[in-house]
C-alpha atoms as a PDB file:
ATOM      1  CA  MET A   1      12.668 -16.304 -10.916  1.00  0.00           C
ATOM      2  CA  THR A   2      15.624 -17.057  -8.622  1.00  0.00           C
ATOM      3  CA  ASN A   3      17.420 -14.292  -6.668  1.00  0.00           C
ATOM      4  CA  GLU A   4      20.352 -14.464  -9.031  1.00  0.00           C
ATOM      5  CA  GLU A   5      18.095 -14.215 -12.085  1.00  0.00           C
ATOM      6  CA  LEU A   6      16.314 -11.310 -10.334  1.00  0.00           C
ATOM      7  CA  ILE A   7      19.582  -9.505  -9.665  1.00  0.00           C
ATOM      8  CA  ASP A   8      20.823  -9.911 -13.198  1.00  0.00           C
ATOM      9  CA  LYS A   9      17.440  -8.603 -14.559  1.00  0.00           C
ATOM     10  CA  PHE A  10      17.570  -5.622 -12.197  1.00  0.00           C
ATOM     11  CA  GLU A  11      21.064  -4.842 -13.404  1.00  0.00           C
ATOM     12  CA  THR A  12      20.114  -5.194 -17.092  1.00  0.00           C
ATOM     13  CA  GLU A  13      16.947  -3.156 -16.739  1.00  0.00           C
ATOM     14  CA  ASN A  14      18.691  -0.584 -14.314  1.00  0.00           C
ATOM     15  CA  ILE A  15      16.154  -1.180 -11.569  1.00  0.00           C
ATOM     16  CA  THR A  16      16.822  -0.204  -8.033  1.00  0.00           C
ATOM     17  CA  LEU A  17      14.903  -0.958  -4.886  1.00  0.00           C
ATOM     18  CA  ALA A  18      12.972   1.984  -3.368  1.00  0.00           C
ATOM     19  CA  PRO A  19      14.539   3.287  -0.096  1.00  0.00           C
ATOM     20  CA  LEU A  20      12.288   2.657   2.944  1.00  0.00           C
ATOM     21  CA  GLN A  21      12.096   6.414   3.673  1.00  0.00           C
ATOM     22  CA  LYS A  22      10.352   6.996   0.288  1.00  0.00           C
ATOM     23  CA  ARG A  23       8.015   4.087   0.989  1.00  0.00           C
ATOM     24  CA  ALA A  24       7.095   5.363   4.388  1.00  0.00           C
ATOM     25  CA  LEU A  25       6.400   8.982   3.028  1.00  0.00           C
ATOM     26  CA  ALA A  26       4.337   7.408   0.151  1.00  0.00           C
ATOM     27  CA  TYR A  27       2.343   5.480   2.808  1.00  0.00           C
ATOM     28  CA  PHE A  28       1.683   8.669   4.864  1.00  0.00           C
ATOM     29  CA  VAL A  29       0.517  10.406   1.759  1.00  0.00           C
ATOM     30  CA  ASP A  30      -1.792   7.618   0.778  1.00  0.00           C
ATOM     31  CA  GLU A  31      -3.296   7.387   4.289  1.00  0.00           C
ATOM     32  CA  ILE A  32      -3.950  11.131   4.264  1.00  0.00           C
ATOM     33  CA  LEU A  33      -5.589  10.868   0.647  1.00  0.00           C
ATOM     34  CA  VAL A  34      -7.847   7.957   1.882  1.00  0.00           C
ATOM     35  CA  SER A  35      -8.691   9.752   5.158  1.00  0.00           C
ATOM     36  CA  VAL A  36      -9.755  12.864   3.216  1.00  0.00           C
ATOM     37  CA  LEU A  37     -11.642  10.730   0.671  1.00  0.00           C
ATOM     38  CA  PHE A  38     -13.412   8.898   3.481  1.00  0.00           C
ATOM     39  CA  ALA A  39     -14.308  12.371   5.229  1.00  0.00           C
ATOM     40  CA  LEU A  40     -15.757  13.618   1.959  1.00  0.00           C
ATOM     41  CA  ILE A  41     -17.839  10.545   1.425  1.00  0.00           C
ATOM     42  CA  TYR A  42     -19.087  10.089   5.092  1.00  0.00           C
ATOM     43  CA  LEU A  43     -19.021  13.581   6.561  1.00  0.00           C
ATOM     44  CA  ASP A  44     -22.767  14.019   5.854  1.00  0.00           C
ATOM     45  CA  GLN A  45     -23.453  11.103   8.197  1.00  0.00           C
ATOM     46  CA  LEU A  46     -22.079  12.956  11.189  1.00  0.00           C
ATOM     47  CA  PRO A  47     -24.874  14.976  12.787  1.00  0.00           C
ATOM     48  CA  GLU A  48     -24.197  18.543  13.903  1.00  0.00           C
ATOM     49  CA  ASN A  49     -23.649  19.288  17.710  1.00  0.00           C
ATOM     50  CA  ILE A  50     -22.603  15.839  18.886  1.00  0.00           C
ATOM     51  CA  SER A  51     -20.060  15.030  21.462  1.00  0.00           C
ATOM     52  CA  THR A  52     -16.565  13.674  20.704  1.00  0.00           C
ATOM     53  CA  GLU A  53     -17.481  10.194  22.128  1.00  0.00           C
ATOM     54  CA  GLU A  54     -20.529  10.086  19.764  1.00  0.00           C
ATOM     55  CA  THR A  55     -18.337  11.025  16.919  1.00  0.00           C
ATOM     56  CA  ILE A  56     -15.853   8.243  17.752  1.00  0.00           C
ATOM     57  CA  ASN A  57     -18.795   5.682  18.036  1.00  0.00           C
ATOM     58  CA  ILE A  58     -20.125   6.684  14.515  1.00  0.00           C
ATOM     59  CA  VAL A  59     -16.664   6.485  13.053  1.00  0.00           C
ATOM     60  CA  ASN A  60     -16.135   3.041  14.672  1.00  0.00           C
ATOM     61  CA  ASP A  61     -19.376   1.891  13.116  1.00  0.00           C
ATOM     62  CA  LEU A  62     -17.982   2.884   9.771  1.00  0.00           C
ATOM     63  CA  PHE A  63     -14.805   0.940  10.309  1.00  0.00           C
ATOM     64  CA  MET A  64     -15.524  -1.819   7.713  1.00  0.00           C
ATOM     65  CA  TYR A  65     -16.147   1.018   5.215  1.00  0.00           C
ATOM     66  CA  ILE A  66     -12.715   2.470   5.828  1.00  0.00           C
ATOM     67  CA  VAL A  67     -11.099  -0.940   5.424  1.00  0.00           C
ATOM     68  CA  LEU A  68     -13.143  -1.443   2.058  1.00  0.00           C
ATOM     69  CA  LEU A  69     -12.134   1.962   0.908  1.00  0.00           C
ATOM     70  CA  LYS A  70      -8.379   1.356   1.675  1.00  0.00           C
ATOM     71  CA  ILE A  71      -8.520  -2.063  -0.012  1.00  0.00           C
ATOM     72  CA  THR A  72     -10.271  -0.581  -3.134  1.00  0.00           C
ATOM     73  CA  TYR A  73      -7.837   2.341  -3.298  1.00  0.00           C
ATOM     74  CA  GLN A  74      -4.720   0.277  -2.971  1.00  0.00           C
ATOM     75  CA  THR A  75      -6.025  -2.544  -5.355  1.00  0.00           C
ATOM     76  CA  PHE A  76      -7.132  -0.187  -8.144  1.00  0.00           C
ATOM     77  CA  PHE A  77      -4.031   2.051  -8.293  1.00  0.00           C
ATOM     78  CA  VAL A  78      -1.491  -0.742  -7.947  1.00  0.00           C
ATOM     79  CA  TRP A  79      -3.289  -2.875 -10.554  1.00  0.00           C
ATOM     80  CA  MET A  80      -3.824  -0.011 -13.055  1.00  0.00           C
ATOM     81  CA  TYR A  81      -0.614   1.988 -12.552  1.00  0.00           C
ATOM     82  CA  GLY A  82       1.754  -0.145 -10.379  1.00  0.00           C
ATOM     83  CA  ALA A  83       1.589   2.564  -7.851  1.00  0.00           C
ATOM     84  CA  THR A  84      -0.727   4.467  -5.537  1.00  0.00           C
ATOM     85  CA  ILE A  85      -0.980   8.269  -5.694  1.00  0.00           C
ATOM     86  CA  GLY A  86       1.551   8.553  -2.905  1.00  0.00           C
ATOM     87  CA  ARG A  87       4.035   6.164  -4.709  1.00  0.00           C
ATOM     88  CA  ILE A  88       3.477   8.119  -7.979  1.00  0.00           C
ATOM     89  CA  PHE A  89       4.298  11.266  -6.270  1.00  0.00           C
ATOM     90  CA  LEU A  90       7.528   9.808  -4.754  1.00  0.00           C
ATOM     91  CA  LYS A  91       8.458   8.018  -8.097  1.00  0.00           C
ATOM     92  CA  ILE A  92       8.347   4.518  -6.692  1.00  0.00           C
ATOM     93  CA  ARG A  93       6.212   1.584  -8.075  1.00  0.00           C
ATOM     94  CA  VAL A  94       5.308  -2.044  -7.332  1.00  0.00           C
ATOM     95  CA  ILE A  95       6.493  -4.646  -9.655  1.00  0.00           C
ATOM     96  CA  SER A  96       5.842  -8.461  -9.889  1.00  0.00           C
ATOM     97  CA  THR A  97       9.054 -10.440  -9.547  1.00  0.00           C
ATOM     98  CA  VAL A  98       7.845 -12.847 -12.104  1.00  0.00           C
ATOM     99  CA  ASP A  99       7.700 -10.503 -15.113  1.00  0.00           C
ATOM    100  CA  LEU A 100       8.747  -7.023 -13.689  1.00  0.00           C
ATOM    101  CA  GLU A 101       5.412  -5.510 -14.628  1.00  0.00           C
ATOM    102  CA  ASN A 102       2.543  -4.200 -12.656  1.00  0.00           C
ATOM    103  CA  PRO A 103       0.793  -6.812 -10.424  1.00  0.00           C
ATOM    104  CA  THR A 104      -2.361  -8.421 -11.745  1.00  0.00           C
ATOM    105  CA  PHE A 105      -5.666  -7.545 -10.359  1.00  0.00           C
ATOM    106  CA  PHE A 106      -5.748 -10.561  -7.938  1.00  0.00           C
ATOM    107  CA  LEU A 107      -2.064  -9.891  -6.790  1.00  0.00           C
ATOM    108  CA  SER A 108      -3.132  -6.261  -6.171  1.00  0.00           C
ATOM    109  CA  LEU A 109      -6.172  -7.362  -4.147  1.00  0.00           C
ATOM    110  CA  SER A 110      -3.902  -9.711  -2.201  1.00  0.00           C
ATOM    111  CA  ILE A 111      -1.331  -6.995  -1.520  1.00  0.00           C
ATOM    112  CA  ALA A 112      -4.147  -4.550  -0.410  1.00  0.00           C
ATOM    113  CA  SER A 113      -5.723  -7.135   1.882  1.00  0.00           C
ATOM    114  CA  PHE A 114      -2.573  -8.392   3.441  1.00  0.00           C
ATOM    115  CA  ARG A 115      -1.636  -4.653   4.155  1.00  0.00           C
ATOM    116  CA  ILE A 116      -4.709  -4.448   6.274  1.00  0.00           C
ATOM    117  CA  ILE A 117      -3.551  -7.448   8.223  1.00  0.00           C
ATOM    118  CA  SER A 118      -0.011  -6.015   8.665  1.00  0.00           C
ATOM    119  CA  GLU A 119      -1.493  -2.729   9.990  1.00  0.00           C
ATOM    120  CA  SER A 120      -3.744  -4.501  12.442  1.00  0.00           C
ATOM    121  CA  LEU A 121      -0.804  -6.462  13.831  1.00  0.00           C
ATOM    122  CA  PHE A 122       1.071  -3.341  15.033  1.00  0.00           C
ATOM    123  CA  TYR A 123       2.661  -2.702  11.606  1.00  0.00           C
ATOM    124  CA  LEU A 124       4.790  -5.785  12.066  1.00  0.00           C
ATOM    125  CA  GLY A 125       4.560  -6.686   8.365  1.00  0.00           C
ATOM    126  CA  PHE A 126       6.016  -3.254   7.517  1.00  0.00           C
ATOM    127  CA  LEU A 127       8.701  -3.576  10.136  1.00  0.00           C
ATOM    128  CA  TRP A 128       9.759  -6.756   8.403  1.00  0.00           C
ATOM    129  CA  ALA A 129      10.987  -4.697   5.449  1.00  0.00           C
ATOM    130  CA  VAL A 130      13.665  -3.048   7.707  1.00  0.00           C
ATOM    131  CA  LEU A 131      15.127  -6.488   8.384  1.00  0.00           C
ATOM    132  CA  ASN A 132      14.799  -7.862   4.881  1.00  0.00           C
ATOM    133  CA  PRO A 133      17.676  -7.234   2.263  1.00  0.00           C
ATOM    134  CA  LYS A 134      15.086  -6.889  -0.555  1.00  0.00           C
ATOM    135  CA  ARG A 135      12.935  -4.615   1.658  1.00  0.00           C
ATOM    136  CA  GLU A 136       9.959  -6.887   1.326  1.00  0.00           C
ATOM    137  CA  THR A 137       6.986  -6.392   3.584  1.00  0.00           C
ATOM    138  CA  TRP A 138       4.699  -9.326   4.465  1.00  0.00           C
ATOM    139  CA  HIS A 139       2.407  -8.315   1.631  1.00  0.00           C
ATOM    140  CA  ASP A 140       5.307  -8.128  -0.798  1.00  0.00           C
ATOM    141  CA  LYS A 141       6.521 -11.546   0.085  1.00  0.00           C
ATOM    142  CA  ASP A 142       3.034 -12.979  -0.080  1.00  0.00           C
ATOM    143  CA  ALA A 143       2.430 -11.509  -3.646  1.00  0.00           C
ATOM    144  CA  ASN A 144       6.125 -11.909  -4.951  1.00  0.00           C
ATOM    145  CA  THR A 145       6.412  -8.137  -5.509  1.00  0.00           C
ATOM    146  CA  LEU A 146       9.024  -5.541  -4.806  1.00  0.00           C
ATOM    147  CA  VAL A 147       8.875  -1.755  -4.631  1.00  0.00           C
ATOM    148  CA  VAL A 148      11.344  -0.147  -6.945  1.00  0.00           C
ATOM    149  CA  ASN A 149      12.274   3.436  -8.013  1.00  0.00           C
ATOM    150  CA  ALA A 150      10.210   4.402 -11.048  1.00  0.00           C
ATOM    151  CA  ARG A 151      12.033   5.462 -14.224  1.00  0.00           C
END
């Protein structure tokens, strides 16, 4: 879909892009939810009476599990609902620019995976949205998706 066709479709369907502030707050909510979920799952693996340094080492050993949990969370919710819990709370959602519907499973997986890369590169993929007129992050551009206000 060309930009002109997309603009026409947005006007026809009364779709508006989500503000960056809402997206940032949704991201923050999701990060807290994933962190709490991670703590609930892995808290029993932390022995009692250990030093802060030992705790950090154990959490570092679990890093790949954190990444896997984040990818699973993002993929599932974006695929099934078009939004994570944070986005649902803030009334925004992810849509495919091809059909204006929820992204497919593979697009959702791509989005979630690319988000991790953006985070790893000092959040530059997210900063890109500030400079982009369609407020697309790197993972939005890669998957041809946009984040819009939910109806």
